[in-house]
Amino acid sequence: MHCRSIERRRTARAVVSIQMEVTGVSESNVPFKFATRTISVSQHGGVILLEAPLPVGHRFALMNEFNNRKATCRVVSVRLHKDGKIHGAFELHCPEGNFWSMSFPAAGARPMKRVFVAKGVVR
């Protein structure tokens, strides 16, 4: 029997690398600031590379360097990737209309089917 759980997202995820600036205060009240990039994004959050693990539930500020928009975020999971880098999944606290400057499909939309067209064939 297969025991993998099905992960359901509110919106589709896009694999895209966007330069980000992360700022916040650690649990020991030490301010931090570092530059990073996204691994993937969705309308409600994303995954970034972290310099050091942050605890689940920790809040931080994120600035999208592409459009200079800022948002408050919350860490939802932290995982050590097989390449040794720390991936931090987060959700946007109050997702503004278009923090990523991208369009996402409506919630529950079915993925588009790929259509392959043979070269040189006219019908």
N, C-alpha and C. Protein backbone atom coordinates (compact mmCIF):
# COMPACT_ATOMS: atom_id res chain seq x y z
N MET A 1 0.84 -1.18 0.00
CA MET A 1 0.00 0.00 0.00
C MET A 1 0.88 1.24 0.00
N HIS A 2 0.51 2.23 -0.75
CA HIS A 2 1.28 3.46 -0.86
C HIS A 2 0.80 4.45 0.18
N CYS A 3 1.72 5.03 0.95
CA CYS A 3 1.34 5.87 2.09
C CYS A 3 1.68 7.34 1.92
N ARG A 4 1.97 7.79 0.72
CA ARG A 4 2.29 9.22 0.53
C ARG A 4 1.03 10.05 0.68
N SER A 5 1.15 11.15 1.40
CA SER A 5 0.00 12.03 1.54
C SER A 5 -0.08 12.94 0.33
N ILE A 6 -1.28 13.36 0.01
CA ILE A 6 -1.49 14.27 -1.11
C ILE A 6 -1.47 15.69 -0.56
N GLU A 7 -0.59 16.51 -1.11
CA GLU A 7 -0.49 17.89 -0.68
C GLU A 7 -1.37 18.74 -1.58
N ARG A 8 -2.29 19.47 -1.00
CA ARG A 8 -3.19 20.30 -1.78
C ARG A 8 -2.86 21.75 -1.50
N ARG A 9 -2.69 22.52 -2.55
CA ARG A 9 -2.34 23.93 -2.43
C ARG A 9 -3.54 24.78 -2.82
N ARG A 10 -3.57 26.00 -2.25
CA ARG A 10 -4.65 26.92 -2.59
C ARG A 10 -4.52 27.44 -4.01
N THR A 11 -3.29 27.63 -4.48
CA THR A 11 -3.03 28.06 -5.86
C THR A 11 -1.83 27.29 -6.40
N ALA A 12 -1.72 27.28 -7.71
CA ALA A 12 -0.62 26.57 -8.36
C ALA A 12 0.72 27.18 -7.97
N ARG A 13 1.74 26.35 -8.02
CA ARG A 13 3.09 26.79 -7.69
C ARG A 13 3.88 26.95 -8.99
N ALA A 14 4.69 28.00 -9.05
CA ALA A 14 5.54 28.24 -10.22
C ALA A 14 7.00 28.17 -9.78
N VAL A 15 7.80 27.41 -10.50
CA VAL A 15 9.23 27.33 -10.21
C VAL A 15 9.89 28.53 -10.88
N VAL A 16 10.33 29.48 -10.04
CA VAL A 16 10.90 30.72 -10.56
C VAL A 16 11.90 31.25 -9.53
N SER A 17 12.99 31.84 -10.02
CA SER A 17 14.01 32.40 -9.15
C SER A 17 13.90 33.92 -9.16
N ILE A 18 13.53 34.49 -8.01
CA ILE A 18 13.39 35.94 -7.86
C ILE A 18 14.29 36.37 -6.70
N GLN A 19 15.08 37.40 -6.91
CA GLN A 19 15.95 37.91 -5.85
C GLN A 19 15.10 38.54 -4.75
N MET A 20 15.41 38.20 -3.50
CA MET A 20 14.66 38.67 -2.34
C MET A 20 15.59 39.20 -1.27
N GLU A 21 15.04 40.05 -0.41
CA GLU A 21 15.76 40.49 0.78
C GLU A 21 14.90 40.12 1.98
N VAL A 22 15.50 39.40 2.92
CA VAL A 22 14.80 38.94 4.12
C VAL A 22 15.32 39.74 5.31
N THR A 23 14.40 40.28 6.12
CA THR A 23 14.77 40.98 7.35
C THR A 23 13.88 40.51 8.47
N GLY A 24 14.40 40.59 9.67
CA GLY A 24 13.62 40.19 10.83
C GLY A 24 14.45 40.24 12.09
N VAL A 25 13.89 39.67 13.14
CA VAL A 25 14.55 39.60 14.45
C VAL A 25 14.51 38.15 14.89
N SER A 26 15.67 37.61 15.29
CA SER A 26 15.73 36.21 15.71
C SER A 26 15.03 36.02 17.05
N GLU A 27 14.90 34.78 17.46
CA GLU A 27 14.27 34.47 18.75
C GLU A 27 15.04 35.07 19.92
N SER A 28 16.34 35.30 19.72
CA SER A 28 17.16 35.90 20.78
C SER A 28 17.28 37.42 20.62
N ASN A 29 16.33 38.02 19.88
CA ASN A 29 16.25 39.47 19.67
C ASN A 29 17.44 40.06 18.92
N VAL A 30 18.06 39.29 18.06
CA VAL A 30 19.16 39.78 17.22
C VAL A 30 18.62 40.04 15.82
N PRO A 31 18.74 41.29 15.32
CA PRO A 31 18.24 41.57 13.97
C PRO A 31 19.04 40.82 12.91
N PHE A 32 18.36 40.40 11.86
CA PHE A 32 19.05 39.75 10.74
C PHE A 32 18.55 40.32 9.43
N LYS A 33 19.42 40.24 8.42
CA LYS A 33 19.09 40.71 7.08
C LYS A 33 19.99 39.95 6.13
N PHE A 34 19.41 39.35 5.09
CA PHE A 34 20.22 38.66 4.10
C PHE A 34 19.51 38.64 2.75
N ALA A 35 20.31 38.53 1.70
CA ALA A 35 19.79 38.42 0.35
C ALA A 35 19.64 36.94 0.01
N THR A 36 18.60 36.61 -0.71
CA THR A 36 18.34 35.23 -1.10
C THR A 36 17.57 35.21 -2.41
N ARG A 37 17.07 34.05 -2.78
CA ARG A 37 16.23 33.91 -3.97
C ARG A 37 15.15 32.88 -3.71
N THR A 38 14.11 32.96 -4.51
CA THR A 38 13.02 31.99 -4.38
C THR A 38 13.38 30.71 -5.13
N ILE A 39 12.79 29.62 -4.69
CA ILE A 39 12.87 28.33 -5.38
C ILE A 39 11.58 28.15 -6.17
N SER A 40 10.45 28.46 -5.52
CA SER A 40 9.14 28.40 -6.15
C SER A 40 8.23 29.38 -5.44
N VAL A 41 7.16 29.80 -6.12
CA VAL A 41 6.21 30.75 -5.54
C VAL A 41 4.79 30.34 -5.88
N SER A 42 3.85 30.78 -5.06
CA SER A 42 2.43 30.66 -5.34
C SER A 42 1.81 31.98 -4.92
N GLN A 43 0.54 32.15 -5.20
CA GLN A 43 -0.11 33.41 -4.84
C GLN A 43 -0.07 33.64 -3.33
N HIS A 44 -0.01 32.57 -2.53
CA HIS A 44 -0.09 32.69 -1.08
C HIS A 44 1.24 32.50 -0.36
N GLY A 45 2.34 32.29 -1.08
CA GLY A 45 3.62 32.09 -0.41
C GLY A 45 4.69 31.60 -1.35
N GLY A 46 5.60 30.78 -0.81
CA GLY A 46 6.67 30.26 -1.64
C GLY A 46 7.72 29.53 -0.83
N VAL A 47 8.84 29.27 -1.48
CA VAL A 47 9.99 28.61 -0.86
C VAL A 47 11.22 29.43 -1.21
N ILE A 48 12.04 29.75 -0.19
CA ILE A 48 13.27 30.50 -0.40
C ILE A 48 14.44 29.72 0.19
N LEU A 49 15.64 30.11 -0.21
CA LEU A 49 16.86 29.56 0.40
C LEU A 49 17.13 30.36 1.68
N LEU A 50 17.43 29.67 2.76
CA LEU A 50 17.73 30.32 4.04
C LEU A 50 19.21 30.19 4.36
N GLU A 51 19.75 31.21 5.05
CA GLU A 51 21.14 31.13 5.51
C GLU A 51 21.25 30.21 6.72
N ALA A 52 20.23 30.26 7.57
CA ALA A 52 20.17 29.42 8.77
C ALA A 52 18.70 29.08 9.01
N PRO A 53 18.43 27.95 9.66
CA PRO A 53 17.03 27.58 9.89
C PRO A 53 16.30 28.60 10.76
N LEU A 54 15.05 28.84 10.44
CA LEU A 54 14.17 29.67 11.25
C LEU A 54 13.09 28.75 11.82
N PRO A 55 12.63 29.01 13.02
CA PRO A 55 11.60 28.13 13.60
C PRO A 55 10.25 28.29 12.89
N VAL A 56 9.50 27.20 12.81
CA VAL A 56 8.17 27.25 12.21
C VAL A 56 7.32 28.23 13.01
N GLY A 57 6.61 29.07 12.30
CA GLY A 57 5.78 30.10 12.92
C GLY A 57 6.46 31.45 13.04
N HIS A 58 7.79 31.49 12.83
CA HIS A 58 8.55 32.74 12.95
C HIS A 58 8.13 33.71 11.86
N ARG A 59 7.96 34.97 12.20
CA ARG A 59 7.58 36.01 11.23
C ARG A 59 8.81 36.79 10.78
N PHE A 60 8.79 37.19 9.51
CA PHE A 60 9.88 37.99 8.95
C PHE A 60 9.32 38.84 7.82
N ALA A 61 10.11 39.81 7.37
CA ALA A 61 9.71 40.67 6.26
C ALA A 61 10.45 40.23 5.00
N LEU A 62 9.78 40.31 3.89
CA LEU A 62 10.34 39.89 2.62
C LEU A 62 10.15 41.02 1.62
N MET A 63 11.23 41.36 0.90
CA MET A 63 11.11 42.37 -0.14
C MET A 63 11.45 41.74 -1.49
N ASN A 64 10.52 41.86 -2.42
CA ASN A 64 10.70 41.38 -3.78
C ASN A 64 11.55 42.41 -4.52
N GLU A 65 12.79 42.07 -4.86
CA GLU A 65 13.68 43.03 -5.50
C GLU A 65 13.31 43.30 -6.95
N PHE A 66 12.44 42.48 -7.54
CA PHE A 66 11.99 42.70 -8.91
C PHE A 66 11.05 43.91 -8.98
N ASN A 67 10.12 44.01 -8.01
CA ASN A 67 9.13 45.08 -8.05
C ASN A 67 9.13 45.96 -6.80
N ASN A 68 10.08 45.73 -5.88
CA ASN A 68 10.23 46.49 -4.63
C ASN A 68 9.01 46.43 -3.71
N ARG A 69 8.21 45.40 -3.83
CA ARG A 69 7.07 45.22 -2.92
C ARG A 69 7.53 44.48 -1.68
N LYS A 70 6.90 44.82 -0.54
CA LYS A 70 7.24 44.20 0.74
C LYS A 70 6.04 43.46 1.30
N ALA A 71 6.33 42.41 2.06
CA ALA A 71 5.26 41.63 2.70
C ALA A 71 5.78 41.03 3.99
N THR A 72 4.87 40.82 4.93
CA THR A 72 5.17 40.09 6.15
C THR A 72 4.85 38.63 5.90
N CYS A 73 5.74 37.74 6.35
CA CYS A 73 5.59 36.32 6.09
C CYS A 73 5.71 35.51 7.37
N ARG A 74 5.30 34.24 7.28
CA ARG A 74 5.41 33.32 8.39
C ARG A 74 6.00 32.01 7.87
N VAL A 75 7.00 31.48 8.57
CA VAL A 75 7.63 30.21 8.19
C VAL A 75 6.64 29.07 8.45
N VAL A 76 6.42 28.21 7.43
CA VAL A 76 5.54 27.06 7.62
C VAL A 76 6.30 25.74 7.65
N SER A 77 7.49 25.70 7.05
CA SER A 77 8.33 24.51 7.17
C SER A 77 9.76 24.84 6.76
N VAL A 78 10.69 24.08 7.29
CA VAL A 78 12.11 24.23 6.96
C VAL A 78 12.65 22.84 6.68
N ARG A 79 13.30 22.68 5.53
CA ARG A 79 13.83 21.37 5.15
C ARG A 79 15.25 21.51 4.63
N LEU A 80 16.06 20.53 4.95
CA LEU A 80 17.42 20.45 4.41
C LEU A 80 17.30 19.71 3.08
N HIS A 81 17.63 20.39 2.00
CA HIS A 81 17.54 19.80 0.66
C HIS A 81 18.70 18.86 0.44
N LYS A 82 18.57 17.96 -0.51
CA LYS A 82 19.63 16.99 -0.77
C LYS A 82 20.94 17.63 -1.22
N ASP A 83 20.87 18.89 -1.72
CA ASP A 83 22.10 19.59 -2.11
C ASP A 83 22.76 20.28 -0.93
N GLY A 84 22.20 20.10 0.28
CA GLY A 84 22.77 20.67 1.49
C GLY A 84 22.27 22.06 1.83
N LYS A 85 21.43 22.65 0.98
CA LYS A 85 20.90 23.99 1.22
C LYS A 85 19.61 23.90 2.03
N ILE A 86 19.33 24.96 2.79
CA ILE A 86 18.14 24.99 3.63
C ILE A 86 17.02 25.68 2.87
N HIS A 87 15.91 24.97 2.67
CA HIS A 87 14.74 25.51 2.00
C HIS A 87 13.69 25.87 3.04
N GLY A 88 13.24 27.11 3.02
CA GLY A 88 12.22 27.57 3.95
C GLY A 88 10.93 27.89 3.23
N ALA A 89 9.87 27.16 3.54
CA ALA A 89 8.56 27.44 2.96
C ALA A 89 7.87 28.47 3.84
N PHE A 90 7.19 29.42 3.21
CA PHE A 90 6.55 30.49 3.96
C PHE A 90 5.20 30.83 3.34
N GLU A 91 4.36 31.46 4.14
CA GLU A 91 3.11 31.99 3.61
C GLU A 91 3.12 33.49 3.82
N LEU A 92 2.53 34.19 2.86
CA LEU A 92 2.41 35.63 2.96
C LEU A 92 1.32 35.93 3.99
N HIS A 93 1.61 36.80 4.95
CA HIS A 93 0.66 37.09 6.02
C HIS A 93 -0.60 37.75 5.47
N CYS A 94 -0.45 38.78 4.70
CA CYS A 94 -1.58 39.45 4.04
C CYS A 94 -1.21 39.57 2.57
N PRO A 95 -1.46 38.53 1.79
CA PRO A 95 -1.02 38.59 0.40
C PRO A 95 -1.69 39.74 -0.34
N GLU A 96 -0.88 40.72 -0.73
CA GLU A 96 -1.43 41.84 -1.49
C GLU A 96 -1.77 41.33 -2.88
N GLY A 97 -2.56 42.09 -3.57
CA GLY A 97 -3.07 41.67 -4.86
C GLY A 97 -2.09 40.95 -5.76
N ASN A 98 -0.90 41.47 -5.94
CA ASN A 98 0.03 40.85 -6.88
C ASN A 98 1.47 41.03 -6.40
N PHE A 99 1.81 40.46 -5.26
CA PHE A 99 3.15 40.59 -4.69
C PHE A 99 4.22 40.11 -5.66
N TRP A 100 3.93 39.07 -6.42
CA TRP A 100 4.93 38.48 -7.32
C TRP A 100 4.92 39.10 -8.71
N SER A 101 3.97 39.97 -9.03
CA SER A 101 3.82 40.50 -10.39
C SER A 101 3.63 39.37 -11.39
N MET A 102 2.79 38.40 -10.99
CA MET A 102 2.50 37.23 -11.82
C MET A 102 1.01 36.93 -11.74
N SER A 103 0.52 36.20 -12.72
CA SER A 103 -0.86 35.72 -12.69
C SER A 103 -0.84 34.24 -12.34
N PHE A 104 -1.77 33.83 -11.47
CA PHE A 104 -1.90 32.43 -11.09
C PHE A 104 -3.29 31.95 -11.47
N PRO A 105 -3.44 30.66 -11.80
CA PRO A 105 -4.77 30.15 -12.12
C PRO A 105 -5.69 30.23 -10.91
N ALA A 106 -6.98 30.25 -11.15
CA ALA A 106 -7.97 30.29 -10.07
C ALA A 106 -7.86 29.02 -9.23
N ALA A 107 -8.22 29.11 -7.95
CA ALA A 107 -8.18 27.96 -7.05
C ALA A 107 -9.04 26.84 -7.63
N GLY A 108 -8.50 25.63 -7.63
CA GLY A 108 -9.23 24.47 -8.11
C GLY A 108 -9.20 24.28 -9.62
N ALA A 109 -8.51 25.16 -10.33
CA ALA A 109 -8.44 25.04 -11.78
C ALA A 109 -7.64 23.79 -12.16
N ARG A 110 -8.08 23.13 -13.22
CA ARG A 110 -7.37 21.94 -13.69
C ARG A 110 -6.16 22.36 -14.51
N PRO A 111 -5.07 21.62 -14.43
CA PRO A 111 -3.90 21.98 -15.23
C PRO A 111 -4.20 21.87 -16.72
N MET A 112 -3.52 22.73 -17.49
CA MET A 112 -3.71 22.70 -18.93
C MET A 112 -3.05 21.46 -19.52
N LYS A 113 -3.66 20.90 -20.55
CA LYS A 113 -3.08 19.75 -21.23
C LYS A 113 -2.09 20.25 -22.27
N ARG A 114 -1.00 19.55 -22.42
CA ARG A 114 -0.01 19.91 -23.43
C ARG A 114 -0.49 19.41 -24.79
N VAL A 115 -0.30 20.24 -25.77
CA VAL A 115 -0.66 19.86 -27.13
C VAL A 115 0.62 19.83 -27.94
N PHE A 116 0.89 18.71 -28.58
CA PHE A 116 2.09 18.56 -29.39
C PHE A 116 1.70 18.66 -30.86
N VAL A 117 2.43 19.48 -31.60
CA VAL A 117 2.18 19.65 -33.02
C VAL A 117 3.41 19.19 -33.77
N ALA A 118 3.19 18.26 -34.70
CA ALA A 118 4.32 17.76 -35.49
C ALA A 118 4.77 18.82 -36.47
N LYS A 119 6.08 18.96 -36.62
CA LYS A 119 6.62 19.95 -37.56
C LYS A 119 6.32 19.54 -38.98
N GLY A 120 5.93 20.54 -39.79
CA GLY A 120 5.73 20.29 -41.21
C GLY A 120 4.40 19.64 -41.56
N VAL A 121 3.59 19.35 -40.59
CA VAL A 121 2.30 18.71 -40.88
C VAL A 121 1.21 19.79 -40.84
N VAL A 122 0.52 19.93 -41.96
CA VAL A 122 -0.57 20.89 -42.04
C VAL A 122 -1.86 20.11 -42.22
N ARG A 123 -2.85 20.39 -41.41
CA ARG A 123 -4.13 19.67 -41.51
C ARG A 123 -5.24 20.63 -41.75
